[in-house]
C-alpha atoms as a PDB file:
ATOM      1  CA  MET A   1       5.988  12.009  -3.176  1.00  0.00           C
ATOM      2  CA  LEU A   2       2.898  12.963  -5.134  1.00  0.00           C
ATOM      3  CA  PRO A   3       0.175  10.384  -5.766  1.00  0.00           C
ATOM      4  CA  ASN A   4      -0.469   9.077  -9.257  1.00  0.00           C
ATOM      5  CA  ASN A   5      -4.255   8.764  -8.868  1.00  0.00           C
ATOM      6  CA  CYS A   6      -5.976  12.050  -7.995  1.00  0.00           C
ATOM      7  CA  ILE A   7      -9.400  13.620  -7.873  1.00  0.00           C
ATOM      8  CA  ALA A   8     -10.378  17.266  -8.196  1.00  0.00           C
ATOM      9  CA  PHE A   9     -13.589  19.012  -7.225  1.00  0.00           C
ATOM     10  CA  ALA A  10     -14.761  22.475  -8.186  1.00  0.00           C
ATOM     11  CA  GLY A  11     -16.973  23.260  -5.230  1.00  0.00           C
ATOM     12  CA  THR A  12     -18.962  20.031  -4.825  1.00  0.00           C
ATOM     13  CA  GLU A  13     -18.820  19.044  -8.505  1.00  0.00           C
ATOM     14  CA  LEU A  14     -16.355  16.450  -9.758  1.00  0.00           C
ATOM     15  CA  LEU A  15     -13.917  18.230 -12.053  1.00  0.00           C
ATOM     16  CA  ALA A  16     -11.535  15.386 -12.912  1.00  0.00           C
ATOM     17  CA  ARG A  17     -10.329  12.011 -11.719  1.00  0.00           C
ATOM     18  CA  GLY A  18      -7.388   9.937 -12.879  1.00  0.00           C
ATOM     19  CA  GLU A  19      -3.659  10.268 -13.334  1.00  0.00           C
ATOM     20  CA  LEU A  20      -2.077  13.286 -11.657  1.00  0.00           C
ATOM     21  CA  VAL A  21      -0.996  14.976 -14.897  1.00  0.00           C
ATOM     22  CA  GLU A  22      -4.469  14.737 -16.442  1.00  0.00           C
ATOM     23  CA  VAL A  23      -6.175  16.033 -13.311  1.00  0.00           C
ATOM     24  CA  VAL A  24      -3.675  18.891 -13.046  1.00  0.00           C
ATOM     25  CA  ARG A  25      -4.464  19.807 -16.670  1.00  0.00           C
ATOM     26  CA  ALA A  26      -8.194  19.900 -15.876  1.00  0.00           C
ATOM     27  CA  VAL A  27      -7.643  22.021 -12.760  1.00  0.00           C
ATOM     28  CA  LYS A  28      -5.371  24.416 -14.655  1.00  0.00           C
ATOM     29  CA  ALA A  29      -8.003  24.781 -17.408  1.00  0.00           C
ATOM     30  CA  ALA A  30     -10.707  25.534 -14.826  1.00  0.00           C
ATOM     31  CA  LEU A  31      -8.485  28.094 -13.113  1.00  0.00           C
ATOM     32  CA  ASP A  32      -7.599  29.730 -16.435  1.00  0.00           C
ATOM     33  CA  LYS A  33     -11.325  30.050 -17.249  1.00  0.00           C
ATOM     34  CA  GLY A  34     -11.717  31.980 -14.006  1.00  0.00           C
ATOM     35  CA  SER A  35     -13.672  29.433 -11.986  1.00  0.00           C
ATOM     36  CA  ASP A  36     -15.232  31.179  -9.000  1.00  0.00           C
ATOM     37  CA  ARG A  37     -15.641  27.921  -7.044  1.00  0.00           C
ATOM     38  CA  SER A  38     -12.947  26.652  -4.716  1.00  0.00           C
ATOM     39  CA  ILE A  39     -10.987  23.768  -6.203  1.00  0.00           C
ATOM     40  CA  ALA A  40      -9.809  20.830  -4.132  1.00  0.00           C
ATOM     41  CA  LEU A  41      -7.081  18.602  -5.586  1.00  0.00           C
ATOM     42  CA  LEU A  42      -6.745  15.409  -3.542  1.00  0.00           C
ATOM     43  CA  ASP A  43      -5.134  11.999  -3.551  1.00  0.00           C
ATOM     44  CA  ALA A  44      -8.081   9.861  -4.704  1.00  0.00           C
ATOM     45  CA  ALA A  45      -7.332   7.081  -2.201  1.00  0.00           C
ATOM     46  CA  THR A  46      -6.274   8.945   0.945  1.00  0.00           C
ATOM     47  CA  SER A  47      -7.906  12.362   0.445  1.00  0.00           C
ATOM     48  CA  GLN A  48      -4.623  14.050   1.318  1.00  0.00           C
ATOM     49  CA  PRO A  49      -4.381  17.454  -0.404  1.00  0.00           C
ATOM     50  CA  VAL A  50      -2.046  17.563  -3.391  1.00  0.00           C
ATOM     51  CA  ASP A  51      -0.043  20.777  -3.460  1.00  0.00           C
ATOM     52  CA  ILE A  52       0.660  22.026  -6.977  1.00  0.00           C
ATOM     53  CA  ASN A  53       1.806  25.502  -7.981  1.00  0.00           C
ATOM     54  CA  PHE A  54      -0.636  26.539 -10.737  1.00  0.00           C
ATOM     55  CA  THR A  55       1.045  29.820 -11.680  1.00  0.00           C
ATOM     56  CA  GLY A  56       2.194  30.187 -15.272  1.00  0.00           C
ATOM     57  CA  THR A  57       1.291  28.215 -18.367  1.00  0.00           C
ATOM     58  CA  GLU A  58       0.079  24.621 -18.350  1.00  0.00           C
ATOM     59  CA  GLU A  59       3.505  23.531 -19.569  1.00  0.00           C
ATOM     60  CA  GLU A  60       5.233  25.392 -16.720  1.00  0.00           C
ATOM     61  CA  VAL A  61       2.834  23.875 -14.170  1.00  0.00           C
ATOM     62  CA  LEU A  62       3.465  20.351 -15.499  1.00  0.00           C
ATOM     63  CA  GLN A  63       7.242  20.862 -15.505  1.00  0.00           C
ATOM     64  CA  ARG A  64       7.146  21.755 -11.796  1.00  0.00           C
ATOM     65  CA  ILE A  65       5.499  18.468 -10.807  1.00  0.00           C
ATOM     66  CA  PRO A  66       8.207  16.558  -8.925  1.00  0.00           C
ATOM     67  CA  ARG A  67       9.228  13.228 -10.380  1.00  0.00           C
ATOM     68  CA  ALA A  68       9.653  10.085  -8.311  1.00  0.00           C
ATOM     69  CA  PRO A  69      13.065  10.062  -6.577  1.00  0.00           C
ATOM     70  CA  GLY A  70      15.711   7.495  -7.470  1.00  0.00           C
ATOM     71  CA  ARG A  71      16.581   4.637  -5.174  1.00  0.00           C
ATOM     72  CA  GLY A  72      18.949   5.151  -2.298  1.00  0.00           C
ATOM     73  CA  ALA A  73      20.959   2.769  -0.164  1.00  0.00           C
ATOM     74  CA  GLY A  74      19.692  -0.676   0.726  1.00  0.00           C
ATOM     75  CA  ARG A  75      19.023  -3.712  -1.416  1.00  0.00           C
ATOM     76  CA  PRO A  76      17.203  -2.098  -4.352  1.00  0.00           C
ATOM     77  CA  LYS A  77      16.278  -5.348  -6.115  1.00  0.00           C
ATOM     78  CA  LEU A  78      14.308  -6.383  -3.031  1.00  0.00           C
ATOM     79  CA  GLY A  79      13.043  -2.894  -2.285  1.00  0.00           C
ATOM     80  CA  VAL A  80      14.866  -2.821   1.069  1.00  0.00           C
ATOM     81  CA  ILE A  81      15.176   0.635   2.600  1.00  0.00           C
ATOM     82  CA  PRO A  82      17.540   1.228   5.518  1.00  0.00           C
ATOM     83  CA  ARG A  83      16.144   3.248   8.430  1.00  0.00           C
ATOM     84  CA  GLU A  84      16.941   3.703  12.079  1.00  0.00           C
ATOM     85  CA  VAL A  85      15.154   1.585  14.678  1.00  0.00           C
ATOM     86  CA  THR A  86      15.352   2.447  18.364  1.00  0.00           C
ATOM     87  CA  LEU A  87      14.886  -0.395  20.837  1.00  0.00           C
ATOM     88  CA  LEU A  88      15.704  -1.145  24.432  1.00  0.00           C
ATOM     89  CA  PRO A  89      18.842  -3.205  25.160  1.00  0.00           C
ATOM     90  CA  ARG A  90      16.792  -6.304  26.058  1.00  0.00           C
ATOM     91  CA  HIS A  91      15.065  -6.103  22.647  1.00  0.00           C
ATOM     92  CA  TRP A  92      18.419  -5.943  20.846  1.00  0.00           C
ATOM     93  CA  GLU A  93      19.643  -8.912  22.900  1.00  0.00           C
ATOM     94  CA  TRP A  94      16.595 -10.968  21.928  1.00  0.00           C
ATOM     95  CA  LEU A  95      16.932  -9.976  18.264  1.00  0.00           C
ATOM     96  CA  ALA A  96      20.629 -10.918  18.226  1.00  0.00           C
ATOM     97  CA  LYS A  97      19.707 -14.479  19.279  1.00  0.00           C
ATOM     98  CA  GLN A  98      17.198 -14.969  16.457  1.00  0.00           C
ATOM     99  CA  PRO A  99      18.074 -17.019  13.360  1.00  0.00           C
ATOM    100  CA  GLY A 100      19.124 -14.683  10.560  1.00  0.00           C
ATOM    101  CA  GLY A 101      19.817 -11.790  12.908  1.00  0.00           C
ATOM    102  CA  ALA A 102      17.917  -8.662  13.808  1.00  0.00           C
ATOM    103  CA  SER A 103      16.819  -7.670  10.296  1.00  0.00           C
ATOM    104  CA  VAL A 104      15.250 -11.040   9.508  1.00  0.00           C
ATOM    105  CA  ALA A 105      13.531 -11.235  12.904  1.00  0.00           C
ATOM    106  CA  LEU A 106      12.154  -7.699  12.575  1.00  0.00           C
ATOM    107  CA  ARG A 107      10.859  -8.360   9.053  1.00  0.00           C
ATOM    108  CA  LYS A 108       9.095 -11.527  10.276  1.00  0.00           C
ATOM    109  CA  LEU A 109       7.557  -9.689  13.238  1.00  0.00           C
ATOM    110  CA  VAL A 110       6.330  -6.871  11.012  1.00  0.00           C
ATOM    111  CA  GLU A 111       4.902  -9.336   8.468  1.00  0.00           C
ATOM    112  CA  HIS A 112       2.974 -11.228  11.158  1.00  0.00           C
ATOM    113  CA  ALA A 113       1.700  -8.048  12.794  1.00  0.00           C
ATOM    114  CA  SER A 114       0.658  -6.493   9.488  1.00  0.00           C
ATOM    115  CA  ARG A 115      -1.127  -9.683   8.426  1.00  0.00           C
ATOM    116  CA  ASP A 116      -2.971  -9.872  11.751  1.00  0.00           C
ATOM    117  CA  ALA A 117      -4.007  -6.208  11.615  1.00  0.00           C
ATOM    118  CA  ARG A 118      -4.789  -6.019   7.882  1.00  0.00           C
ATOM    119  CA  GLU A 119      -8.597  -5.642   8.159  1.00  0.00           C
ATOM    120  CA  ALA A 120      -8.416  -3.211  11.075  1.00  0.00           C
ATOM    121  CA  ASP A 121      -5.804  -1.148   9.216  1.00  0.00           C
ATOM    122  CA  MET A 122      -7.942  -1.078   6.050  1.00  0.00           C
ATOM    123  CA  MET A 123     -10.968   0.036   8.045  1.00  0.00           C
ATOM    124  CA  ARG A 124      -9.009   2.784   9.831  1.00  0.00           C
ATOM    125  CA  GLU A 125      -7.384   4.031   6.604  1.00  0.00           C
ATOM    126  CA  ALA A 126     -10.765   4.100   4.824  1.00  0.00           C
ATOM    127  CA  ARG A 127     -12.399   5.935   7.733  1.00  0.00           C
ATOM    128  CA  ASP A 128      -9.587   8.495   7.858  1.00  0.00           C
ATOM    129  CA  ALA A 129      -9.666   9.073   4.077  1.00  0.00           C
ATOM    130  CA  ALA A 130     -13.455   9.462   4.112  1.00  0.00           C
ATOM    131  CA  TYR A 131     -13.289  11.889   7.033  1.00  0.00           C
ATOM    132  CA  ARG A 132     -10.555  14.011   5.383  1.00  0.00           C
ATOM    133  CA  PHE A 133     -12.601  14.133   2.177  1.00  0.00           C
ATOM    134  CA  MET A 134     -15.895  15.058   3.813  1.00  0.00           C
ATOM    135  CA  HIS A 135     -14.187  17.629   6.029  1.00  0.00           C
ATOM    136  CA  GLU A 136     -12.520  19.220   2.996  1.00  0.00           C
ATOM    137  CA  LEU A 137     -15.669  19.430   0.880  1.00  0.00           C
ATOM    138  CA  MET A 138     -18.586  19.315   3.323  1.00  0.00           C
ATOM    139  CA  GLY A 139     -17.131  20.541   6.615  1.00  0.00           C
ATOM    140  CA  ASP A 140     -19.698  23.342   6.822  1.00  0.00           C
ATOM    141  CA  ALA A 141     -22.627  21.299   5.483  1.00  0.00           C
ATOM    142  CA  ALA A 142     -25.737  20.430   7.435  1.00  0.00           C
ATOM    143  CA  GLY A 143     -25.343  16.967   8.883  1.00  0.00           C
ATOM    144  CA  PHE A 144     -21.541  16.936   8.752  1.00  0.00           C
ATOM    145  CA  GLU A 145     -21.125  16.400  12.507  1.00  0.00           C
ATOM    146  CA  GLU A 146     -23.701  13.608  12.646  1.00  0.00           C
ATOM    147  CA  ALA A 147     -22.237  11.929   9.549  1.00  0.00           C
ATOM    148  CA  SER A 148     -18.793  12.114  11.182  1.00  0.00           C
ATOM    149  CA  ARG A 149     -20.125  10.459  14.320  1.00  0.00           C
ATOM    150  CA  ALA A 150     -21.750   7.675  12.285  1.00  0.00           C
ATOM    151  CA  LEU A 151     -18.508   7.167  10.341  1.00  0.00           C
ATOM    152  CA  PHE A 152     -16.408   6.864  13.511  1.00  0.00           C
ATOM    153  CA  ALA A 153     -19.054   4.650  15.143  1.00  0.00           C
ATOM    154  CA  SER A 154     -18.893   2.306  12.114  1.00  0.00           C
ATOM    155  CA  ASP A 155     -22.634   2.749  11.551  1.00  0.00           C
ATOM    156  CA  GLY A 156     -22.769   2.387   7.764  1.00  0.00           C
ATOM    157  CA  GLU A 157     -26.536   2.480   7.450  1.00  0.00           C
ATOM    158  CA  ARG A 158     -26.869   5.689   9.463  1.00  0.00           C
ATOM    159  CA  PHE A 159     -23.893   7.232   7.662  1.00  0.00           C
ATOM    160  CA  GLN A 160     -25.434   6.521   4.261  1.00  0.00           C
ATOM    161  CA  GLY A 161     -28.731   8.049   5.351  1.00  0.00           C
ATOM    162  CA  LEU A 162     -27.049  11.179   6.671  1.00  0.00           C
ATOM    163  CA  VAL A 163     -25.151  11.862   3.431  1.00  0.00           C
ATOM    164  CA  ALA A 164     -28.034  10.884   1.116  1.00  0.00           C
ATOM    165  CA  ASP A 165     -28.920  14.527   0.387  1.00  0.00           C
ATOM    166  CA  TRP A 166     -25.347  15.675  -0.220  1.00  0.00           C
ATOM    167  CA  PRO A 167     -24.333  16.572  -3.795  1.00  0.00           C
ATOM    168  CA  GLY A 168     -24.145  13.477  -6.002  1.00  0.00           C
ATOM    169  CA  ASP A 169     -20.458  13.680  -6.962  1.00  0.00           C
ATOM    170  CA  VAL A 170     -19.396  14.199  -3.354  1.00  0.00           C
ATOM    171  CA  ARG A 171     -21.681  11.456  -2.057  1.00  0.00           C
ATOM    172  CA  ALA A 172     -20.508   8.939  -4.692  1.00  0.00           C
ATOM    173  CA  HIS A 173     -16.813   9.449  -3.925  1.00  0.00           C
ATOM    174  CA  LEU A 174     -17.424   9.593  -0.178  1.00  0.00           C
ATOM    175  CA  LEU A 175     -19.309   6.288  -0.160  1.00  0.00           C
ATOM    176  CA  GLU A 176     -16.570   4.706  -2.265  1.00  0.00           C
ATOM    177  CA  LEU A 177     -13.937   5.869   0.221  1.00  0.00           C
ATOM    178  CA  ALA A 178     -15.963   4.981   3.316  1.00  0.00           C
ATOM    179  CA  GLY A 179     -17.112   1.523   2.214  1.00  0.00           C
ATOM    180  CA  PRO A 180     -14.183  -0.422   3.713  1.00  0.00           C
ATOM    181  CA  ALA A 181     -14.486   1.571   6.965  1.00  0.00           C
ATOM    182  CA  PHE A 182     -17.611  -0.361   7.856  1.00  0.00           C
ATOM    183  CA  GLY A 183     -16.049  -3.829   7.563  1.00  0.00           C
ATOM    184  CA  SER A 184     -17.144  -6.858   5.595  1.00  0.00           C
ATOM    185  CA  GLY A 185     -20.701  -6.832   4.414  1.00  0.00           C
ATOM    186  CA  GLN A 186     -21.534  -3.462   5.984  1.00  0.00           C
ATOM    187  CA  ALA A 187     -20.266  -1.138   3.286  1.00  0.00           C
ATOM    188  CA  PRO A 188     -22.687   1.515   2.140  1.00  0.00           C
ATOM    189  CA  SER A 189     -23.343   1.776  -1.583  1.00  0.00           C
ATOM    190  CA  SER A 190     -24.116   4.758  -3.754  1.00  0.00           C
END
């Protein structure tokens, strides 16, 4: 599924940021003008590339954007999605003895684990998004390797210093993405 919030860069300059359709329009306009810079279209939060076929008119491009799929099996009012879980027999035996059955016990276990790991997960997701972004736009830049090491070492101050001379649009978005990677009170600012 495509993200709703996207960001596009033409080279190292911010081209557009916002809802997918608006960013796609901006990218299409830049391509139609014959932009000689490479254009990166990314999920603004995760930095995952967004794959859009830009051939044809703007209308044709927009019509090809996939729409969100409908709901499948499960309990749609609760947002429950059925999937396969593979466990050892002793795990199934333990789950069968739990009040409410296996589904309730698994949901409780996942809730507790996700609550306990929330900050670590946020830090990891922010670090990964920042790394994907800087690799995409600045992978060949001077200081990329050192900035990557500082990012993965959770050294926010060093990281900020290493990217200080990078292009402003790139640096601003990178610091926004990376902020949570450095934990509470250590986030770099632009």
